Amino acid sequence: MKTSFVIAGHEWRRLRVQSWSWLLLASVVALLAWVFLERLDTFLRVQETTGNAASVGATAQVAAPVLGWLAIVMIVLVPLMGSRAIAGERRAHSLNLLLAAGVGDAAIVVGKWLGLFAWLLLLTALVTLMPLSLIGTTDLDLGRLAANLLALVLHASALTAIALYASSITAQPVLAAALALLINVLLCIVDLGARAAGVSNGLINWLALPTHFGPLSDGVVASVDLIWFVLVTVVFLALASRQLAGLRSTD
């Protein structure tokens, strides 16, 4: 586990020194700040018109939509940020040094996952500060806000694992990003056909990401949804480790 933390620190430093990482982070924060201010302006206008300052209104109309937009942005952002995690090292032939040093496949994957996941937690924290700034000016449903934050953390965890798996398949970061984005999109739309056919509680519905993210964002924390995100994270991390094992055996 110590090795994983060392690799995580290296991955964090790699993201920290690259300008595009900060550019992506700043762009996302700026976009969501605009969404936050727009939703807040709409909420204040409605409040002035109706005189209703209910806490549910502030949380549902301002906080939840902003965090929901972050979840959508992550579907595209995480593949871009994670595409170079392993593929970039393969392309630069620096991955061979880790493999030759006897570092375990799982340790490499978990370390890379921790480094990127920590970066996404920083982004999540910065965006969460926006709705939290409303505390003291209006009542917020902190329970639902906490559920939304939990959903985002689990969401980021699963997407990071998917990005690492895609990055382990190819030495081309662009292809890795495209593959991770494709997997993310498929997880989002896999149940559309079933829903169109009137099936809403089948296995294919359970496989879809929105099926589990939606209830959490509404403030409903269920074990089945938590398990789904954990399973997706573990499965794709295991697949990435297996892929590294295959690379080790061919070298």
C-alpha atoms as a PDB file:
ATOM      1  CA  MET A   1       0.000   0.000   0.000  1.00  0.00           C
ATOM      2  CA  LYS A   2       2.944   2.303   0.696  1.00  0.00           C
ATOM      3  CA  THR A   3       4.033   1.898  -2.925  1.00  0.00           C
ATOM      4  CA  SER A   4       0.579   2.938  -4.085  1.00  0.00           C
ATOM      5  CA  PHE A   5       0.798   6.156  -2.069  1.00  0.00           C
ATOM      6  CA  VAL A   6       4.214   6.897  -3.578  1.00  0.00           C
ATOM      7  CA  ILE A   7       2.817   6.430  -7.087  1.00  0.00           C
ATOM      8  CA  ALA A   8      -0.229   8.511  -6.136  1.00  0.00           C
ATOM      9  CA  GLY A   9       2.053  11.337  -5.041  1.00  0.00           C
ATOM     10  CA  HIS A  10       3.915  11.130  -8.334  1.00  0.00           C
ATOM     11  CA  GLU A  11       0.632  11.208 -10.269  1.00  0.00           C
ATOM     12  CA  TRP A  12      -0.535  14.215  -8.215  1.00  0.00           C
ATOM     13  CA  ARG A  13       2.704  16.073  -8.959  1.00  0.00           C
ATOM     14  CA  ARG A  14       2.381  15.228 -12.644  1.00  0.00           C
ATOM     15  CA  LEU A  15      -1.079  16.776 -12.751  1.00  0.00           C
ATOM     16  CA  ARG A  16       0.035  19.733 -10.632  1.00  0.00           C
ATOM     17  CA  VAL A  17       2.913  20.777 -12.886  1.00  0.00           C
ATOM     18  CA  GLN A  18       1.037  20.445 -16.166  1.00  0.00           C
ATOM     19  CA  SER A  19      -0.678  23.614 -17.321  1.00  0.00           C
ATOM     20  CA  TRP A  20      -3.519  21.807 -19.080  1.00  0.00           C
ATOM     21  CA  SER A  21      -4.628  20.257 -15.758  1.00  0.00           C
ATOM     22  CA  TRP A  22      -5.058  23.704 -14.217  1.00  0.00           C
ATOM     23  CA  LEU A  23      -6.653  24.990 -17.412  1.00  0.00           C
ATOM     24  CA  LEU A  24      -9.261  22.226 -17.344  1.00  0.00           C
ATOM     25  CA  LEU A  25      -9.913  22.772 -13.629  1.00  0.00           C
ATOM     26  CA  ALA A  26     -10.233  26.541 -14.044  1.00  0.00           C
ATOM     27  CA  SER A  27     -12.526  26.135 -17.063  1.00  0.00           C
ATOM     28  CA  VAL A  28     -14.845  23.764 -15.215  1.00  0.00           C
ATOM     29  CA  VAL A  29     -14.978  25.982 -12.112  1.00  0.00           C
ATOM     30  CA  ALA A  30     -15.704  29.051 -14.278  1.00  0.00           C
ATOM     31  CA  LEU A  31     -18.455  27.229 -16.169  1.00  0.00           C
ATOM     32  CA  LEU A  32     -20.114  25.998 -12.994  1.00  0.00           C
ATOM     33  CA  ALA A  33     -19.749  29.410 -11.344  1.00  0.00           C
ATOM     34  CA  TRP A  34     -21.758  30.828 -14.241  1.00  0.00           C
ATOM     35  CA  VAL A  35     -24.377  28.072 -13.805  1.00  0.00           C
ATOM     36  CA  PHE A  36     -24.477  28.765 -10.058  1.00  0.00           C
ATOM     37  CA  LEU A  37     -24.988  32.504 -10.512  1.00  0.00           C
ATOM     38  CA  GLU A  38     -27.653  31.950 -13.151  1.00  0.00           C
ATOM     39  CA  ARG A  39     -29.560  29.484 -10.950  1.00  0.00           C
ATOM     40  CA  LEU A  40     -29.188  31.782  -7.950  1.00  0.00           C
ATOM     41  CA  ASP A  41     -30.506  34.745  -9.922  1.00  0.00           C
ATOM     42  CA  THR A  42     -33.514  32.702 -11.045  1.00  0.00           C
ATOM     43  CA  PHE A  43     -34.159  31.525  -7.476  1.00  0.00           C
ATOM     44  CA  LEU A  44     -34.003  35.073  -6.094  1.00  0.00           C
ATOM     45  CA  ARG A  45     -36.404  36.321  -8.745  1.00  0.00           C
ATOM     46  CA  VAL A  46     -38.897  33.579  -7.898  1.00  0.00           C
ATOM     47  CA  GLN A  47     -38.459  34.278  -4.190  1.00  0.00           C
ATOM     48  CA  GLU A  48     -39.151  37.976  -4.703  1.00  0.00           C
ATOM     49  CA  THR A  49     -42.216  37.186  -6.757  1.00  0.00           C
ATOM     50  CA  THR A  50     -43.759  34.532  -4.496  1.00  0.00           C
ATOM     51  CA  GLY A  51     -42.204  35.470  -1.149  1.00  0.00           C
ATOM     52  CA  ASN A  52     -41.380  31.784  -0.603  1.00  0.00           C
ATOM     53  CA  ALA A  53     -37.936  31.193   0.915  1.00  0.00           C
ATOM     54  CA  ALA A  54     -38.345  27.498   1.572  1.00  0.00           C
ATOM     55  CA  SER A  55     -35.111  25.609   2.151  1.00  0.00           C
ATOM     56  CA  VAL A  56     -36.114  22.906  -0.310  1.00  0.00           C
ATOM     57  CA  GLY A  57     -36.340  25.546  -3.019  1.00  0.00           C
ATOM     58  CA  ALA A  58     -32.803  26.804  -2.425  1.00  0.00           C
ATOM     59  CA  THR A  59     -31.307  23.328  -2.418  1.00  0.00           C
ATOM     60  CA  ALA A  60     -33.322  21.949  -5.311  1.00  0.00           C
ATOM     61  CA  GLN A  61     -33.131  25.020  -7.526  1.00  0.00           C
ATOM     62  CA  VAL A  62     -29.550  26.144  -6.902  1.00  0.00           C
ATOM     63  CA  ALA A  63     -27.299  23.615  -5.163  1.00  0.00           C
ATOM     64  CA  ALA A  64     -28.421  20.338  -6.732  1.00  0.00           C
ATOM     65  CA  PRO A  65     -28.359  21.587 -10.353  1.00  0.00           C
ATOM     66  CA  VAL A  66     -24.806  22.917  -9.974  1.00  0.00           C
ATOM     67  CA  LEU A  67     -23.541  19.622  -8.571  1.00  0.00           C
ATOM     68  CA  GLY A  68     -25.516  17.770 -11.229  1.00  0.00           C
ATOM     69  CA  TRP A  69     -23.753  19.752 -13.931  1.00  0.00           C
ATOM     70  CA  LEU A  70     -20.420  18.809 -12.393  1.00  0.00           C
ATOM     71  CA  ALA A  71     -21.371  15.135 -12.703  1.00  0.00           C
ATOM     72  CA  ILE A  72     -22.149  15.646 -16.399  1.00  0.00           C
ATOM     73  CA  VAL A  73     -18.907  17.525 -17.009  1.00  0.00           C
ATOM     74  CA  MET A  74     -16.936  14.743 -15.284  1.00  0.00           C
ATOM     75  CA  ILE A  75     -18.130  12.254 -17.905  1.00  0.00           C
ATOM     76  CA  VAL A  76     -15.985  14.114 -20.442  1.00  0.00           C
ATOM     77  CA  LEU A  77     -13.373  15.604 -18.115  1.00  0.00           C
ATOM     78  CA  VAL A  78     -12.162  12.404 -16.424  1.00  0.00           C
ATOM     79  CA  PRO A  79     -11.298  10.606 -19.699  1.00  0.00           C
ATOM     80  CA  LEU A  80      -9.268  13.645 -20.762  1.00  0.00           C
ATOM     81  CA  MET A  81      -7.383  13.830 -17.466  1.00  0.00           C
ATOM     82  CA  GLY A  82      -6.874  10.091 -17.072  1.00  0.00           C
ATOM     83  CA  SER A  83      -5.918   9.259 -20.640  1.00  0.00           C
ATOM     84  CA  ARG A  84      -2.195   9.807 -20.028  1.00  0.00           C
ATOM     85  CA  ALA A  85      -2.051   8.017 -16.659  1.00  0.00           C
ATOM     86  CA  ILE A  86      -0.813   4.733 -18.134  1.00  0.00           C
ATOM     87  CA  ALA A  87      -0.922   5.286 -21.901  1.00  0.00           C
ATOM     88  CA  GLY A  88       1.372   8.292 -21.596  1.00  0.00           C
ATOM     89  CA  GLU A  89       3.887   6.282 -19.616  1.00  0.00           C
ATOM     90  CA  ARG A  90       3.736   3.442 -22.120  1.00  0.00           C
ATOM     91  CA  ARG A  91       4.331   5.888 -24.923  1.00  0.00           C
ATOM     92  CA  ALA A  92       7.296   7.428 -23.085  1.00  0.00           C
ATOM     93  CA  HIS A  93       8.576   3.919 -22.130  1.00  0.00           C
ATOM     94  CA  SER A  94       8.671   4.938 -18.462  1.00  0.00           C
ATOM     95  CA  LEU A  95       6.115   2.284 -17.507  1.00  0.00           C
ATOM     96  CA  ASN A  96       8.733  -0.373 -18.236  1.00  0.00           C
ATOM     97  CA  LEU A  97      10.832   1.020 -15.399  1.00  0.00           C
ATOM     98  CA  LEU A  98       8.016   0.479 -12.906  1.00  0.00           C
ATOM     99  CA  LEU A  99       7.342  -3.021 -14.188  1.00  0.00           C
ATOM    100  CA  ALA A 100      11.032  -3.925 -14.170  1.00  0.00           C
ATOM    101  CA  ALA A 101      11.408  -2.586 -10.617  1.00  0.00           C
ATOM    102  CA  GLY A 102       9.057  -5.261  -9.360  1.00  0.00           C
ATOM    103  CA  VAL A 103       6.197  -2.911  -8.456  1.00  0.00           C
ATOM    104  CA  GLY A 104       2.963  -4.878  -8.367  1.00  0.00           C
ATOM    105  CA  ASP A 105       0.332  -4.332 -11.047  1.00  0.00           C
ATOM    106  CA  ALA A 106      -2.368  -3.564  -8.464  1.00  0.00           C
ATOM    107  CA  ALA A 107      -0.064  -1.109  -6.668  1.00  0.00           C
ATOM    108  CA  ILE A 108       0.529   0.811  -9.907  1.00  0.00           C
ATOM    109  CA  VAL A 109      -3.166   0.951 -10.790  1.00  0.00           C
ATOM    110  CA  VAL A 110      -4.323   1.900  -7.284  1.00  0.00           C
ATOM    111  CA  GLY A 111      -1.621   4.566  -7.057  1.00  0.00           C
ATOM    112  CA  LYS A 112      -2.622   6.087 -10.382  1.00  0.00           C
ATOM    113  CA  TRP A 113      -6.264   5.944  -9.310  1.00  0.00           C
ATOM    114  CA  LEU A 114      -5.573   7.664  -6.003  1.00  0.00           C
ATOM    115  CA  GLY A 115      -3.606  10.479  -7.654  1.00  0.00           C
ATOM    116  CA  LEU A 116      -6.291  11.305 -10.211  1.00  0.00           C
ATOM    117  CA  PHE A 117      -9.106  10.756  -7.715  1.00  0.00           C
ATOM    118  CA  ALA A 118      -7.505  13.258  -5.317  1.00  0.00           C
ATOM    119  CA  TRP A 119      -7.393  15.839  -8.113  1.00  0.00           C
ATOM    120  CA  LEU A 120     -11.093  15.299  -8.791  1.00  0.00           C
ATOM    121  CA  LEU A 121     -11.843  15.642  -5.082  1.00  0.00           C
ATOM    122  CA  LEU A 122     -10.151  19.049  -5.198  1.00  0.00           C
ATOM    123  CA  LEU A 123     -12.393  20.047  -8.093  1.00  0.00           C
ATOM    124  CA  THR A 124     -15.464  18.738  -6.262  1.00  0.00           C
ATOM    125  CA  ALA A 125     -14.526  20.686  -3.132  1.00  0.00           C
ATOM    126  CA  LEU A 126     -14.108  23.927  -5.080  1.00  0.00           C
ATOM    127  CA  VAL A 127     -17.507  23.541  -6.740  1.00  0.00           C
ATOM    128  CA  THR A 128     -19.200  22.533  -3.474  1.00  0.00           C
ATOM    129  CA  LEU A 129     -18.054  25.798  -1.904  1.00  0.00           C
ATOM    130  CA  MET A 130     -20.452  27.627  -4.243  1.00  0.00           C
ATOM    131  CA  PRO A 131     -23.727  26.306  -2.746  1.00  0.00           C
ATOM    132  CA  LEU A 132     -22.169  26.287   0.738  1.00  0.00           C
ATOM    133  CA  SER A 133     -21.646  30.040   0.379  1.00  0.00           C
ATOM    134  CA  LEU A 134     -25.426  30.379   0.716  1.00  0.00           C
ATOM    135  CA  ILE A 135     -25.336  29.202   4.337  1.00  0.00           C
ATOM    136  CA  GLY A 136     -26.377  32.089   6.550  1.00  0.00           C
ATOM    137  CA  THR A 137     -28.347  33.791   3.788  1.00  0.00           C
ATOM    138  CA  THR A 138     -30.916  31.055   3.200  1.00  0.00           C
ATOM    139  CA  ASP A 139     -31.697  27.664   4.680  1.00  0.00           C
ATOM    140  CA  LEU A 140     -30.207  24.725   2.812  1.00  0.00           C
ATOM    141  CA  ASP A 141     -31.171  21.076   3.023  1.00  0.00           C
ATOM    142  CA  LEU A 142     -27.764  19.936   4.240  1.00  0.00           C
ATOM    143  CA  GLY A 143     -28.840  16.288   4.184  1.00  0.00           C
ATOM    144  CA  ARG A 144     -29.601  16.399   0.487  1.00  0.00           C
ATOM    145  CA  LEU A 145     -26.459  18.432  -0.132  1.00  0.00           C
ATOM    146  CA  ALA A 146     -24.406  15.744   1.633  1.00  0.00           C
ATOM    147  CA  ALA A 147     -26.075  13.048  -0.469  1.00  0.00           C
ATOM    148  CA  ASN A 148     -25.223  14.996  -3.630  1.00  0.00           C
ATOM    149  CA  LEU A 149     -21.622  15.289  -2.483  1.00  0.00           C
ATOM    150  CA  LEU A 150     -21.473  11.548  -1.773  1.00  0.00           C
ATOM    151  CA  ALA A 151     -22.884  10.865  -5.240  1.00  0.00           C
ATOM    152  CA  LEU A 152     -20.193  13.042  -6.828  1.00  0.00           C
ATOM    153  CA  VAL A 153     -17.389  11.326  -4.890  1.00  0.00           C
ATOM    154  CA  LEU A 154     -18.608   7.863  -5.923  1.00  0.00           C
ATOM    155  CA  HIS A 155     -19.177   9.098  -9.468  1.00  0.00           C
ATOM    156  CA  ALA A 156     -15.610  10.405  -9.683  1.00  0.00           C
ATOM    157  CA  SER A 157     -14.269   7.155  -8.242  1.00  0.00           C
ATOM    158  CA  ALA A 158     -15.990   4.998 -10.864  1.00  0.00           C
ATOM    159  CA  LEU A 159     -15.103   7.280 -13.786  1.00  0.00           C
ATOM    160  CA  THR A 160     -11.458   7.378 -12.681  1.00  0.00           C
ATOM    161  CA  ALA A 161     -11.283   3.581 -12.665  1.00  0.00           C
ATOM    162  CA  ILE A 162     -12.826   3.464 -16.143  1.00  0.00           C
ATOM    163  CA  ALA A 163     -10.329   6.043 -17.434  1.00  0.00           C
ATOM    164  CA  LEU A 164      -7.407   4.028 -16.034  1.00  0.00           C
ATOM    165  CA  TYR A 165      -8.651   0.843 -17.660  1.00  0.00           C
ATOM    166  CA  ALA A 166      -8.949   2.605 -21.010  1.00  0.00           C
ATOM    167  CA  SER A 167      -5.492   4.093 -20.542  1.00  0.00           C
ATOM    168  CA  SER A 168      -4.036   0.623 -19.883  1.00  0.00           C
ATOM    169  CA  ILE A 169      -5.311  -0.767 -23.187  1.00  0.00           C
ATOM    170  CA  THR A 170      -3.444   1.514 -25.586  1.00  0.00           C
ATOM    171  CA  ALA A 171      -0.270   3.573 -25.727  1.00  0.00           C
ATOM    172  CA  GLN A 172      -2.151   6.400 -27.442  1.00  0.00           C
ATOM    173  CA  PRO A 173      -3.713   8.844 -24.940  1.00  0.00           C
ATOM    174  CA  VAL A 174      -6.197  10.107 -27.538  1.00  0.00           C
ATOM    175  CA  LEU A 175      -7.528   6.605 -28.124  1.00  0.00           C
ATOM    176  CA  ALA A 176      -7.626   6.001 -24.375  1.00  0.00           C
ATOM    177  CA  ALA A 177      -9.701   9.149 -23.844  1.00  0.00           C
ATOM    178  CA  ALA A 178     -12.079   8.173 -26.653  1.00  0.00           C
ATOM    179  CA  LEU A 179     -12.528   4.656 -25.258  1.00  0.00           C
ATOM    180  CA  ALA A 180     -13.178   5.904 -21.710  1.00  0.00           C
ATOM    181  CA  LEU A 181     -15.696   8.440 -23.010  1.00  0.00           C
ATOM    182  CA  LEU A 182     -17.433   5.698 -25.011  1.00  0.00           C
ATOM    183  CA  ILE A 183     -17.723   3.488 -21.914  1.00  0.00           C
ATOM    184  CA  ASN A 184     -19.069   6.419 -19.884  1.00  0.00           C
ATOM    185  CA  VAL A 185     -21.691   7.217 -22.511  1.00  0.00           C
ATOM    186  CA  LEU A 186     -22.727   3.574 -22.798  1.00  0.00           C
ATOM    187  CA  LEU A 187     -23.209   3.374 -19.035  1.00  0.00           C
ATOM    188  CA  CYS A 188     -25.430   6.455 -19.256  1.00  0.00           C
ATOM    189  CA  ILE A 189     -27.647   5.247 -22.115  1.00  0.00           C
ATOM    190  CA  VAL A 190     -27.572   1.463 -21.745  1.00  0.00           C
ATOM    191  CA  ASP A 191     -31.136   1.339 -20.447  1.00  0.00           C
ATOM    192  CA  LEU A 192     -32.746   3.776 -22.885  1.00  0.00           C
ATOM    193  CA  GLY A 193     -34.066   1.006 -25.127  1.00  0.00           C
ATOM    194  CA  ALA A 194     -35.438  -0.915 -22.171  1.00  0.00           C
ATOM    195  CA  ARG A 195     -37.202   2.162 -20.824  1.00  0.00           C
ATOM    196  CA  ALA A 196     -38.668   2.834 -24.262  1.00  0.00           C
ATOM    197  CA  ALA A 197     -40.030  -0.710 -24.168  1.00  0.00           C
ATOM    198  CA  GLY A 198     -41.546  -0.105 -20.744  1.00  0.00           C
ATOM    199  CA  VAL A 199     -38.910  -1.999 -18.727  1.00  0.00           C
ATOM    200  CA  SER A 200     -37.760   0.062 -15.749  1.00  0.00           C
ATOM    201  CA  ASN A 201     -36.705  -2.501 -13.121  1.00  0.00           C
ATOM    202  CA  GLY A 202     -34.675  -5.000 -15.121  1.00  0.00           C
ATOM    203  CA  LEU A 203     -30.999  -5.906 -15.028  1.00  0.00           C
ATOM    204  CA  ILE A 204     -30.215  -3.608 -17.931  1.00  0.00           C
ATOM    205  CA  ASN A 205     -31.722  -0.691 -15.993  1.00  0.00           C
ATOM    206  CA  TRP A 206     -29.600  -1.613 -12.972  1.00  0.00           C
ATOM    207  CA  LEU A 207     -26.464  -1.407 -15.117  1.00  0.00           C
ATOM    208  CA  ALA A 208     -27.111   2.214 -16.081  1.00  0.00           C
ATOM    209  CA  LEU A 209     -25.260   4.967 -14.232  1.00  0.00           C
ATOM    210  CA  PRO A 210     -28.238   7.401 -13.969  1.00  0.00           C
ATOM    211  CA  THR A 211     -30.266   4.680 -12.223  1.00  0.00           C
ATOM    212  CA  HIS A 212     -27.930   4.960  -9.241  1.00  0.00           C
ATOM    213  CA  PHE A 213     -26.768   8.556  -9.428  1.00  0.00           C
ATOM    214  CA  GLY A 214     -30.299   9.936  -9.666  1.00  0.00           C
ATOM    215  CA  PRO A 215     -31.613   8.728  -6.289  1.00  0.00           C
ATOM    216  CA  LEU A 216     -28.441   9.891  -4.517  1.00  0.00           C
ATOM    217  CA  SER A 217     -28.751  13.347  -6.048  1.00  0.00           C
ATOM    218  CA  ASP A 218     -32.363  13.428  -4.810  1.00  0.00           C
ATOM    219  CA  GLY A 219     -31.146  12.743  -1.277  1.00  0.00           C
ATOM    220  CA  VAL A 220     -32.052   9.030  -1.175  1.00  0.00           C
ATOM    221  CA  VAL A 221     -29.035   7.025  -0.003  1.00  0.00           C
ATOM    222  CA  ALA A 222     -29.575   3.314  -0.689  1.00  0.00           C
ATOM    223  CA  SER A 223     -27.050   0.507  -0.282  1.00  0.00           C
ATOM    224  CA  VAL A 224     -27.758  -0.828  -3.785  1.00  0.00           C
ATOM    225  CA  ASP A 225     -26.573   2.437  -5.320  1.00  0.00           C
ATOM    226  CA  LEU A 226     -23.462   2.600  -3.153  1.00  0.00           C
ATOM    227  CA  ILE A 227     -22.621  -1.011  -4.042  1.00  0.00           C
ATOM    228  CA  TRP A 228     -22.990  -0.289  -7.762  1.00  0.00           C
ATOM    229  CA  PHE A 229     -20.392   2.487  -7.706  1.00  0.00           C
ATOM    230  CA  VAL A 230     -18.021   0.392  -5.598  1.00  0.00           C
ATOM    231  CA  LEU A 231     -18.422  -2.567  -7.949  1.00  0.00           C
ATOM    232  CA  VAL A 232     -17.736  -0.473 -11.041  1.00  0.00           C
ATOM    233  CA  THR A 233     -14.625   0.982  -9.409  1.00  0.00           C
ATOM    234  CA  VAL A 234     -13.278  -2.401  -8.293  1.00  0.00           C
ATOM    235  CA  VAL A 235     -14.067  -4.185 -11.571  1.00  0.00           C
ATOM    236  CA  PHE A 236     -12.353  -1.626 -13.788  1.00  0.00           C
ATOM    237  CA  LEU A 237      -9.359  -1.347 -11.465  1.00  0.00           C
ATOM    238  CA  ALA A 238      -9.061  -5.151 -11.591  1.00  0.00           C
ATOM    239  CA  LEU A 239      -9.300  -5.086 -15.395  1.00  0.00           C
ATOM    240  CA  ALA A 240      -6.582  -2.431 -15.559  1.00  0.00           C
ATOM    241  CA  SER A 241      -4.360  -4.516 -13.259  1.00  0.00           C
ATOM    242  CA  ARG A 242      -4.909  -7.553 -15.458  1.00  0.00           C
ATOM    243  CA  GLN A 243      -4.006  -5.513 -18.506  1.00  0.00           C
ATOM    244  CA  LEU A 244      -0.733  -4.447 -16.845  1.00  0.00           C
ATOM    245  CA  ALA A 245      -0.032  -8.075 -15.987  1.00  0.00           C
ATOM    246  CA  GLY A 246      -0.403  -8.881 -19.667  1.00  0.00           C
ATOM    247  CA  LEU A 247       2.038  -6.110 -20.587  1.00  0.00           C
ATOM    248  CA  ARG A 248       4.523  -7.429 -18.026  1.00  0.00           C
ATOM    249  CA  SER A 249       4.372 -10.929 -19.474  1.00  0.00           C
ATOM    250  CA  THR A 250       4.995  -9.709 -23.018  1.00  0.00           C
ATOM    251  CA  ASP A 251       8.046  -7.580 -22.072  1.00  0.00           C
END
